[in-house]
Amino acid sequence: MGRNNERNIKKHNDKLHKEQDKVKAKKVAREEKLKAIVKKFNENKE
């Protein structure tokens, strides 16, 4: 029941990459929100 066969290795890697993609997507979404906030703040300043 280890990760020593091809199917289990693939399943593990798919799961790992899915999690990494989630983290990356959250980071990108957060950056977009911050950009929007900064833009709005700068518009209000002028």
C-alpha atoms as a PDB file:
ATOM      1  CA  MET A   1       0.000   0.000   0.000  1.00  0.00           C
ATOM      2  CA  GLY A   2       2.940   2.328  -0.470  1.00  0.00           C
ATOM      3  CA  ARG A   3       3.523   4.911  -3.155  1.00  0.00           C
ATOM      4  CA  ASN A   4       5.890   2.542  -4.899  1.00  0.00           C
ATOM      5  CA  ASN A   5       3.733   1.651  -7.881  1.00  0.00           C
ATOM      6  CA  GLU A   6       3.028   3.876 -10.887  1.00  0.00           C
ATOM      7  CA  ARG A   7      -0.678   4.368 -10.187  1.00  0.00           C
ATOM      8  CA  ASN A   8      -0.107   5.507  -6.599  1.00  0.00           C
ATOM      9  CA  ILE A   9       2.773   7.782  -7.614  1.00  0.00           C
ATOM     10  CA  LYS A  10       0.561   9.414 -10.275  1.00  0.00           C
ATOM     11  CA  LYS A  11      -2.356   9.772  -7.855  1.00  0.00           C
ATOM     12  CA  HIS A  12      -0.078  11.364  -5.259  1.00  0.00           C
ATOM     13  CA  ASN A  13       1.484  13.767  -7.778  1.00  0.00           C
ATOM     14  CA  ASP A  14      -1.915  14.786  -9.159  1.00  0.00           C
ATOM     15  CA  LYS A  15      -3.156  15.529  -5.654  1.00  0.00           C
ATOM     16  CA  LEU A  16       0.024  17.464  -4.834  1.00  0.00           C
ATOM     17  CA  HIS A  17      -0.157  19.540  -8.010  1.00  0.00           C
ATOM     18  CA  LYS A  18      -3.839  20.263  -7.433  1.00  0.00           C
ATOM     19  CA  GLU A  19      -3.020  21.657  -3.984  1.00  0.00           C
ATOM     20  CA  GLN A  20      -0.134  23.710  -5.384  1.00  0.00           C
ATOM     21  CA  ASP A  21      -2.438  25.121  -8.077  1.00  0.00           C
ATOM     22  CA  LYS A  22      -4.981  26.122  -5.412  1.00  0.00           C
ATOM     23  CA  VAL A  23      -2.305  27.997  -3.460  1.00  0.00           C
ATOM     24  CA  LYS A  24      -1.076  29.713  -6.619  1.00  0.00           C
ATOM     25  CA  ALA A  25      -4.628  30.710  -7.617  1.00  0.00           C
ATOM     26  CA  LYS A  26      -5.280  32.201  -4.165  1.00  0.00           C
ATOM     27  CA  LYS A  27      -2.047  34.191  -4.390  1.00  0.00           C
ATOM     28  CA  VAL A  28      -2.943  35.549  -7.845  1.00  0.00           C
ATOM     29  CA  ALA A  29      -6.477  36.451  -6.737  1.00  0.00           C
ATOM     30  CA  ARG A  30      -5.109  38.252  -3.691  1.00  0.00           C
ATOM     31  CA  GLU A  31      -2.661  40.249  -5.829  1.00  0.00           C
ATOM     32  CA  GLU A  32      -5.479  41.241  -8.182  1.00  0.00           C
ATOM     33  CA  LYS A  33      -7.620  42.439  -5.272  1.00  0.00           C
ATOM     34  CA  LEU A  34      -4.706  44.415  -3.838  1.00  0.00           C
ATOM     35  CA  LYS A  35      -4.087  46.062  -7.228  1.00  0.00           C
ATOM     36  CA  ALA A  36      -7.768  47.049  -7.435  1.00  0.00           C
ATOM     37  CA  ILE A  37      -7.699  48.481  -3.904  1.00  0.00           C
ATOM     38  CA  VAL A  38      -4.520  50.465  -4.576  1.00  0.00           C
ATOM     39  CA  LYS A  39      -5.950  51.770  -7.855  1.00  0.00           C
ATOM     40  CA  LYS A  40      -9.155  52.878  -6.141  1.00  0.00           C
ATOM     41  CA  PHE A  41      -7.185  54.475  -3.292  1.00  0.00           C
ATOM     42  CA  ASN A  42      -5.025  56.399  -5.746  1.00  0.00           C
ATOM     43  CA  GLU A  43      -8.090  57.605  -7.660  1.00  0.00           C
ATOM     44  CA  ASN A  44      -9.632  58.903  -4.440  1.00  0.00           C
ATOM     45  CA  LYS A  45      -6.422  60.716  -3.528  1.00  0.00           C
ATOM     46  CA  GLU A  46      -6.418  62.777  -6.724  1.00  0.00           C
END
